[in-house]
Amino acid sequence: MSVSASFRAATALLLIGCLLCPPAQALVSFNDGKEHLFVTGTAGASYDSNILAHAGGGGDTIYSAGVLLEYTRRAGLIGVDASVGVDLSQFVNNRNENSTDPRFALAFAKSTGRTTGGLSLSATRENRADSAANVRAQSWDYDTTLNLKYPVIDRYSVSGTVGYTARIYDATSGLTNLSTYSLGTDLLYALTDTRDLAVGYRYRYEETSRNTAYDDQSVTAGVSGAILPRLSGSVRAGYQIRSPRKQAKDGGDRGLTASAALTWYATKRLSFTGQMSNDLSVTSTNLSMSTLSGNLGAEYVFNSKRSVSANVGGGDNRFLGAAGLDRRDEFFTFGAGVNYTMMEHLKISLSYDYFKNWSTLSYSDYDRNTFSLSLISRW
């Protein structure tokens, strides 16, 4: 089945419009260059061998297009970033999965003065495969975060974070909505001008649409900033306790929690990034889950026009409590990509991703191959 003429026309007009815009650092600049408007257009095609993420799931070709309008303001004490966009996806065979996904974001940042921090808000509609439920579902994802930092004396400072996230599925999906409230604070000690030692506490409350809830409390310590020459990022580890509340009869757990995000610049052209986490969460099937995961990526930049990248990762998902039926998923992922800048405002990306899930639940034992080609133009 061919792609509809209207979708092809919309994609073509999007690319033509982006390419015909006059060259400039931003599409529009005003207020003496302190405020800017940018427009980004995307168009692409991909093949996903398992769009539903379950054993025996079928594949499909997906065509996509999107446009994003961004506004930035750097004047006065508060910087502002705002964006609004929409992404369209059309499946060649599984047309019931076609989607129009808007997204919105707004952020305020204060980087000068004694108290610094920022407030960010976002709302995004997603159409994605859920590996816990082994179905494809559409949802609205909301995120609000407030960060503050205040220097106390000499090398000591305190920081605080208040956050709210929510994933609300379409009513027809039958999946469990999740709302998460979090509150955290850190005591920071400046080891050097570029490296901090942190000790912190986090409280997290997770509540589902099925009237179950969980309390998470954790105490962690770690370092952030320029950890070693050419190595920067953050590493934290500590102890976490999860307690079920409301109708949740089980799913409690306690033990090590950890997170790391590091970047190593081996040379001017070659860099490596690594991520690791060990944390607890609630799935779309209303189960408590412990996840240990890690990923290692590399990027080599040939010049201003060409770069290549690759990544490899894996992890272990352990479903907790009697309701989890001792389910355990172990996964492996690999990816590679090529980026080429044809001209100042046009970038082409080609990528391949492989995902393999081994599960004690046979229906969740599957693999997935994804090939993607995308064109990106920003003005």
Protein backbone atom coordinates (compact mmCIF):
# COMPACT_ATOMS: atom_id res chain seq x y z
CA MET A 1 0.00 0.00 0.00
CA SER A 2 1.46 3.38 -0.98
CA VAL A 3 1.76 6.45 1.14
CA SER A 4 -1.13 8.88 0.75
CA ALA A 5 -0.70 11.76 -1.67
CA SER A 6 -1.54 14.31 1.01
CA PHE A 7 1.21 13.06 3.29
CA ARG A 8 3.77 13.07 0.45
CA ALA A 9 2.76 16.61 -0.47
CA ALA A 10 3.07 17.84 3.11
CA THR A 11 6.54 16.34 3.42
CA ALA A 12 7.69 17.81 0.11
CA LEU A 13 6.38 21.27 0.97
CA LEU A 14 8.10 21.11 4.34
CA LEU A 15 11.50 20.40 2.78
CA ILE A 16 11.09 22.94 -0.01
CA GLY A 17 10.05 25.61 2.48
CA CYS A 18 13.09 24.95 4.65
CA LEU A 19 15.52 24.95 1.74
CA LEU A 20 14.22 28.15 0.17
CA CYS A 21 14.53 30.23 3.37
CA PRO A 22 17.34 32.82 3.14
CA PRO A 23 20.53 31.87 5.01
CA ALA A 24 20.81 33.34 8.52
CA GLN A 25 21.93 32.40 12.02
CA ALA A 26 18.28 32.43 13.01
CA LEU A 27 15.15 32.77 10.93
CA VAL A 28 14.32 35.97 12.86
CA SER A 29 16.45 38.00 15.31
CA PHE A 30 15.29 41.09 17.18
CA ASN A 31 15.84 43.20 20.32
CA ASP A 32 19.49 43.81 19.33
CA GLY A 33 20.11 40.12 18.79
CA LYS A 34 18.93 39.10 22.27
CA GLU A 35 15.85 37.29 20.98
CA HIS A 36 15.74 34.67 18.22
CA LEU A 37 13.27 32.51 16.36
CA PHE A 38 14.37 29.21 14.80
CA VAL A 39 12.48 26.79 12.59
CA THR A 40 13.47 23.14 12.19
CA GLY A 41 11.91 20.85 9.62
CA THR A 42 12.38 17.07 9.46
CA ALA A 43 11.37 14.34 7.04
CA GLY A 44 12.26 10.68 7.13
CA ALA A 45 11.53 7.05 6.43
CA SER A 46 12.24 3.98 8.55
CA TYR A 47 11.64 0.25 8.66
CA ASP A 48 10.81 -1.38 12.00
CA SER A 49 10.86 -5.19 11.96
CA ASN A 50 8.71 -5.50 15.12
CA ILE A 51 6.44 -2.51 15.66
CA LEU A 52 4.54 -4.14 18.56
CA ALA A 53 7.61 -5.41 20.48
CA HIS A 54 6.50 -8.99 21.13
CA ALA A 55 7.35 -12.50 19.94
CA GLY A 56 6.28 -12.94 16.33
CA GLY A 57 5.41 -9.27 15.91
CA GLY A 58 5.30 -7.94 12.34
CA GLY A 59 7.20 -5.09 10.74
CA ASP A 60 6.25 -2.03 8.76
CA THR A 61 7.64 0.95 6.88
CA ILE A 62 6.99 4.31 8.53
CA TYR A 63 7.14 7.74 6.91
CA SER A 64 7.52 10.79 9.14
CA ALA A 65 7.60 14.57 8.96
CA GLY A 66 7.80 17.30 11.56
CA VAL A 67 8.24 20.98 12.19
CA LEU A 68 9.52 22.76 15.32
CA LEU A 69 9.36 26.49 16.12
CA GLU A 70 11.79 27.67 18.83
CA TYR A 71 12.05 31.01 20.64
CA THR A 72 15.05 32.04 22.78
CA ARG A 73 15.57 35.17 24.86
CA ARG A 74 18.82 36.19 26.55
CA ALA A 75 18.11 39.54 28.18
CA GLY A 76 17.89 40.50 31.84
CA LEU A 77 18.20 38.07 34.76
CA ILE A 78 15.98 35.32 33.33
CA GLY A 79 16.70 33.46 30.11
CA VAL A 80 13.74 31.98 28.24
CA ASP A 81 13.48 29.02 25.86
CA ALA A 82 10.14 28.03 24.35
CA SER A 83 9.19 25.66 21.57
CA VAL A 84 6.15 24.20 19.88
CA GLY A 85 6.15 21.48 17.26
CA VAL A 86 4.31 18.62 15.68
CA ASP A 87 5.46 15.22 14.37
CA LEU A 88 3.50 13.12 11.90
CA SER A 89 3.95 9.37 11.38
CA GLN A 90 2.29 7.24 8.73
CA PHE A 91 2.52 3.45 8.60
CA VAL A 92 2.33 1.83 5.19
CA ASN A 93 0.37 -1.26 6.29
CA ASN A 94 -0.74 -0.69 9.89
CA ARG A 95 -2.64 2.52 9.27
CA ASN A 96 -4.39 2.32 12.64
CA GLU A 97 -1.00 3.28 14.13
CA ASN A 98 -0.81 6.59 12.20
CA SER A 99 -0.34 9.51 14.56
CA THR A 100 -0.08 13.27 14.82
CA ASP A 101 2.00 14.12 17.88
CA PRO A 102 2.31 17.73 19.12
CA ARG A 103 4.96 18.81 21.64
CA PHE A 104 5.42 21.89 23.78
CA ALA A 105 8.25 23.09 26.02
CA LEU A 106 8.96 26.16 28.13
CA ALA A 107 12.05 26.82 30.28
CA PHE A 108 13.27 29.70 32.43
CA ALA A 109 16.88 29.87 33.64
CA LYS A 110 18.75 32.15 36.03
CA SER A 111 22.54 31.71 35.86
CA THR A 112 23.74 34.87 37.63
CA GLY A 113 23.39 36.18 41.17
CA ARG A 114 23.60 34.31 44.45
CA THR A 115 20.64 32.00 43.81
CA THR A 116 20.65 30.19 40.47
CA GLY A 117 18.38 27.62 38.92
CA GLY A 118 15.64 27.02 36.44
CA LEU A 119 12.07 25.95 35.81
CA SER A 120 11.15 23.71 32.88
CA LEU A 121 7.78 22.47 31.65
CA SER A 122 6.99 20.16 28.74
CA ALA A 123 4.13 18.18 27.21
CA THR A 124 4.68 15.62 24.46
CA ARG A 125 2.41 13.16 22.72
CA GLU A 126 4.10 9.85 21.85
CA ASN A 127 3.33 6.79 19.75
CA ARG A 128 5.71 4.02 20.83
CA ALA A 129 6.09 0.32 21.53
CA ASP A 130 5.90 -0.62 25.22
CA SER A 131 8.27 -3.47 26.09
CA ALA A 132 6.55 -4.25 29.41
CA ALA A 133 3.05 -4.59 27.95
CA ASN A 134 4.28 -5.71 24.49
CA VAL A 135 1.87 -3.44 22.63
CA ARG A 136 2.07 -0.13 20.82
CA ALA A 137 0.29 2.74 22.56
CA GLN A 138 -0.19 6.48 22.40
CA SER A 139 0.23 8.68 25.45
CA TRP A 140 0.71 12.22 26.68
CA ASP A 141 3.91 12.73 28.68
CA TYR A 142 4.15 15.70 31.06
CA ASP A 143 7.25 16.95 32.90
CA THR A 144 7.73 19.86 35.30
CA THR A 145 11.03 20.43 37.14
CA LEU A 146 12.28 23.23 39.40
CA ASN A 147 16.00 23.34 40.28
CA LEU A 148 17.61 25.80 42.69
CA LYS A 149 21.17 26.23 43.99
CA TYR A 150 22.35 28.52 46.79
CA PRO A 151 25.92 29.01 48.10
CA VAL A 152 26.06 28.84 51.91
CA ILE A 153 29.63 29.47 53.05
CA ASP A 154 33.00 29.22 51.34
CA ARG A 155 33.02 25.95 49.36
CA TYR A 156 29.62 24.71 50.56
CA SER A 157 26.30 25.11 48.75
CA VAL A 158 22.89 23.48 48.80
CA SER A 159 20.62 22.57 45.91
CA GLY A 160 17.04 21.44 45.70
CA THR A 161 14.81 19.83 43.09
CA VAL A 162 11.02 19.55 42.92
CA GLY A 163 9.52 17.56 40.06
CA TYR A 164 6.35 16.13 38.59
CA THR A 165 6.03 13.73 35.67
CA ALA A 166 3.03 11.91 34.24
CA ARG A 167 2.32 9.46 31.45
CA ILE A 168 -1.36 9.39 30.46
CA TYR A 169 -2.34 6.71 27.94
CA ASP A 170 -5.26 6.85 25.52
CA ALA A 171 -8.33 5.30 27.14
CA THR A 172 -8.50 2.57 24.49
CA SER A 173 -5.03 1.22 25.38
CA GLY A 174 -6.07 -0.34 28.70
CA LEU A 175 -2.68 0.57 30.17
CA THR A 176 -1.96 2.11 33.56
CA ASN A 177 -1.36 5.86 33.86
CA LEU A 178 1.46 6.91 36.15
CA SER A 179 2.08 10.16 38.05
CA THR A 180 5.36 10.76 39.88
CA TYR A 181 6.11 13.46 42.46
CA SER A 182 9.70 13.94 43.59
CA LEU A 183 11.58 16.10 46.07
CA GLY A 184 15.35 16.09 46.53
CA THR A 185 18.14 18.06 48.14
CA ASP A 186 21.96 17.94 47.96
CA LEU A 187 24.77 19.31 50.05
CA LEU A 188 27.61 20.23 47.69
CA TYR A 189 31.28 20.68 48.53
CA ALA A 190 33.54 22.23 45.87
CA LEU A 191 36.62 20.01 45.69
CA THR A 192 38.00 22.26 42.93
CA ASP A 193 36.64 25.02 40.71
CA THR A 194 35.29 22.34 38.32
CA ARG A 195 34.51 19.37 40.58
CA ASP A 196 31.88 18.94 43.32
CA LEU A 197 31.31 16.31 45.95
CA ALA A 198 27.58 15.77 46.65
CA VAL A 199 25.58 14.02 49.37
CA GLY A 200 21.84 13.99 48.91
CA TYR A 201 18.40 12.67 49.80
CA ARG A 202 15.47 12.03 47.40
CA TYR A 203 11.84 11.26 48.11
CA ARG A 204 9.62 10.01 45.29
CA TYR A 205 5.90 9.19 45.32
CA GLU A 206 4.45 7.21 42.40
CA GLU A 207 0.69 6.84 41.95
CA THR A 208 -1.18 4.90 39.25
CA SER A 209 -4.65 5.14 37.73
CA ARG A 210 -5.42 1.75 39.33
CA ASN A 211 -5.27 3.26 42.82
CA THR A 212 -1.89 1.81 43.74
CA ALA A 213 1.05 3.85 44.98
CA TYR A 214 4.65 3.52 46.12
CA ASP A 215 7.05 5.53 48.28
CA ASP A 216 10.73 5.64 47.30
CA GLN A 217 13.44 7.06 49.52
CA SER A 218 17.14 7.12 48.71
CA VAL A 219 20.38 8.54 50.10
CA THR A 220 23.26 8.90 47.64
CA ALA A 221 26.73 10.38 47.37
CA GLY A 222 29.00 11.08 44.42
CA VAL A 223 31.03 13.53 42.37
CA SER A 224 30.21 15.72 39.36
CA GLY A 225 32.06 18.01 36.98
CA ALA A 226 35.57 17.47 35.60
CA ILE A 227 36.24 14.15 37.32
CA LEU A 228 39.55 13.42 35.56
CA PRO A 229 41.47 15.07 32.70
CA ARG A 230 39.22 14.78 29.60
CA LEU A 231 36.59 12.92 31.66
CA SER A 232 33.52 14.83 32.84
CA GLY A 233 30.04 14.03 34.09
CA SER A 234 28.58 12.66 37.31
CA VAL A 235 28.69 9.43 39.32
CA ARG A 236 26.39 8.69 42.27
CA ALA A 237 25.58 5.61 44.38
CA GLY A 238 23.60 4.93 47.53
CA TYR A 239 20.80 3.01 49.19
CA GLN A 240 17.10 2.99 48.22
CA ILE A 241 13.94 1.73 49.94
CA ARG A 242 10.59 1.21 48.18
CA SER A 243 7.38 0.76 50.20
CA PRO A 244 3.96 -0.10 48.68
CA ARG A 245 0.94 2.03 49.63
CA LYS A 246 -2.83 2.04 49.01
CA GLN A 247 -3.93 -1.18 47.27
CA ALA A 248 -0.41 -2.25 46.33
CA LYS A 249 0.13 -5.48 48.29
CA ASP A 250 3.70 -6.08 47.19
CA GLY A 251 6.42 -4.62 44.99
CA GLY A 252 8.49 -3.28 47.86
CA ASP A 253 12.25 -3.56 47.60
CA ARG A 254 15.47 -2.18 49.03
CA GLY A 255 19.09 -2.16 47.97
CA LEU A 256 21.70 -0.36 45.92
CA THR A 257 20.75 2.54 43.68
CA ALA A 258 23.25 4.17 41.34
CA SER A 259 23.55 6.43 38.31
CA ALA A 260 26.39 7.61 36.13
CA ALA A 261 26.69 9.79 33.03
CA LEU A 262 30.23 10.34 31.75
CA THR A 263 31.91 11.76 28.66
CA TRP A 264 35.55 11.11 27.76
CA TYR A 265 37.19 13.16 25.01
CA ALA A 266 39.90 10.75 23.83
CA THR A 267 41.01 13.13 21.07
CA LYS A 268 39.64 16.26 19.43
CA ARG A 269 37.71 14.06 17.02
CA LEU A 270 36.87 10.97 19.10
CA SER A 271 34.64 10.99 22.19
CA PHE A 272 32.99 8.32 24.32
CA THR A 273 29.87 8.58 26.46
CA GLY A 274 28.75 6.12 29.11
CA GLN A 275 25.56 5.84 31.13
CA MET A 276 24.52 3.47 33.91
CA SER A 277 21.58 3.31 36.29
CA ASN A 278 20.06 1.01 38.87
CA ASP A 279 16.59 2.21 39.87
CA LEU A 280 12.97 1.26 40.59
CA SER A 281 9.91 2.17 38.54
CA VAL A 282 6.26 1.28 37.85
CA THR A 283 5.36 -0.26 34.48
CA SER A 284 2.35 0.41 32.26
CA THR A 285 0.98 -2.96 33.47
CA ASN A 286 0.87 -1.70 37.09
CA LEU A 287 3.87 -3.73 38.25
CA SER A 288 6.86 -2.56 40.24
CA MET A 289 10.16 -3.15 38.42
CA SER A 290 13.86 -2.98 39.27
CA THR A 291 16.06 -2.04 36.32
CA LEU A 292 19.83 -2.25 35.96
CA SER A 293 21.01 -0.85 32.62
CA GLY A 294 24.07 0.57 30.93
CA ASN A 295 25.09 2.02 27.59
CA LEU A 296 28.40 2.97 25.96
CA GLY A 297 28.55 5.23 22.91
CA ALA A 298 31.29 6.56 20.66
CA GLU A 299 31.41 9.36 18.08
CA TYR A 300 34.13 10.19 15.58
CA VAL A 301 33.98 13.54 13.78
CA PHE A 302 35.86 13.55 10.47
CA ASN A 303 35.21 17.23 9.79
CA SER A 304 32.43 19.83 9.99
CA LYS A 305 30.36 17.82 7.51
CA ARG A 306 30.78 14.15 8.42
CA SER A 307 30.62 12.06 11.58
CA VAL A 308 29.91 8.47 12.57
CA SER A 309 28.63 7.03 15.84
CA ALA A 310 27.97 3.68 17.48
CA ASN A 311 26.56 2.46 20.78
CA VAL A 312 26.15 -0.81 22.68
CA GLY A 313 24.14 -1.44 25.81
CA GLY A 314 22.18 -3.89 27.87
CA GLY A 315 20.34 -4.44 31.10
CA ASP A 316 18.14 -6.49 33.36
CA ASN A 317 14.47 -5.83 34.25
CA ARG A 318 13.22 -7.67 37.35
CA PHE A 319 9.44 -7.55 37.96
CA LEU A 320 8.80 -7.42 41.71
CA GLY A 321 6.20 -9.02 43.94
CA ALA A 322 3.82 -11.95 43.49
CA ALA A 323 1.99 -10.12 40.69
CA GLY A 324 5.24 -10.00 38.73
CA LEU A 325 5.15 -13.83 38.45
CA ASP A 326 8.96 -13.92 38.73
CA ARG A 327 9.22 -12.36 35.27
CA ARG A 328 12.70 -11.28 34.30
CA ASP A 329 13.79 -9.62 31.06
CA GLU A 330 17.40 -9.27 29.95
CA PHE A 331 18.10 -7.08 26.93
CA PHE A 332 20.92 -6.16 24.57
CA THR A 333 21.02 -3.24 22.16
CA PHE A 334 23.38 -2.06 19.44
CA GLY A 335 23.27 0.88 17.08
CA ALA A 336 25.30 2.75 14.48
CA GLY A 337 24.78 5.92 12.51
CA VAL A 338 26.24 8.28 9.92
CA ASN A 339 25.62 12.04 9.80
CA TYR A 340 26.37 14.18 6.77
CA THR A 341 25.85 17.94 6.44
CA MET A 342 25.12 18.58 2.77
CA MET A 343 24.96 22.35 3.19
CA GLU A 344 24.74 24.86 6.01
CA HIS A 345 21.09 24.18 6.73
CA LEU A 346 20.58 20.58 5.62
CA LYS A 347 21.72 17.48 7.49
CA ILE A 348 21.18 13.83 6.52
CA SER A 349 21.29 10.97 9.04
CA LEU A 350 21.27 7.23 8.41
CA SER A 351 21.06 4.84 11.36
CA TYR A 352 20.54 1.20 12.33
CA ASP A 353 19.41 -0.12 15.72
CA TYR A 354 19.11 -3.67 17.00
CA PHE A 355 17.27 -4.72 20.18
CA LYS A 356 17.04 -8.22 21.63
CA ASN A 357 14.93 -9.09 24.67
CA TRP A 358 15.27 -12.42 26.49
CA SER A 359 12.33 -12.98 28.83
CA THR A 360 11.01 -15.70 31.12
CA LEU A 361 7.63 -14.78 29.55
CA SER A 362 7.70 -16.32 26.07
CA TYR A 363 5.45 -13.64 24.56
CA SER A 364 8.03 -11.00 25.58
CA ASP A 365 10.99 -12.84 24.03
CA TYR A 366 11.68 -10.98 20.78
CA ASP A 367 14.17 -9.07 18.66
CA ARG A 368 13.80 -5.87 16.68
CA ASN A 369 15.71 -4.22 13.81
CA THR A 370 15.19 -0.59 12.85
CA PHE A 371 16.64 1.22 9.81
CA SER A 372 16.10 4.99 9.60
CA LEU A 373 16.84 7.78 7.13
CA SER A 374 16.12 11.38 8.09
CA LEU A 375 16.63 14.87 6.67
CA ILE A 376 16.90 17.83 9.08
CA SER A 377 16.90 21.52 8.15
CA ARG A 378 17.25 24.25 10.82
CA TRP A 379 16.98 28.00 10.25
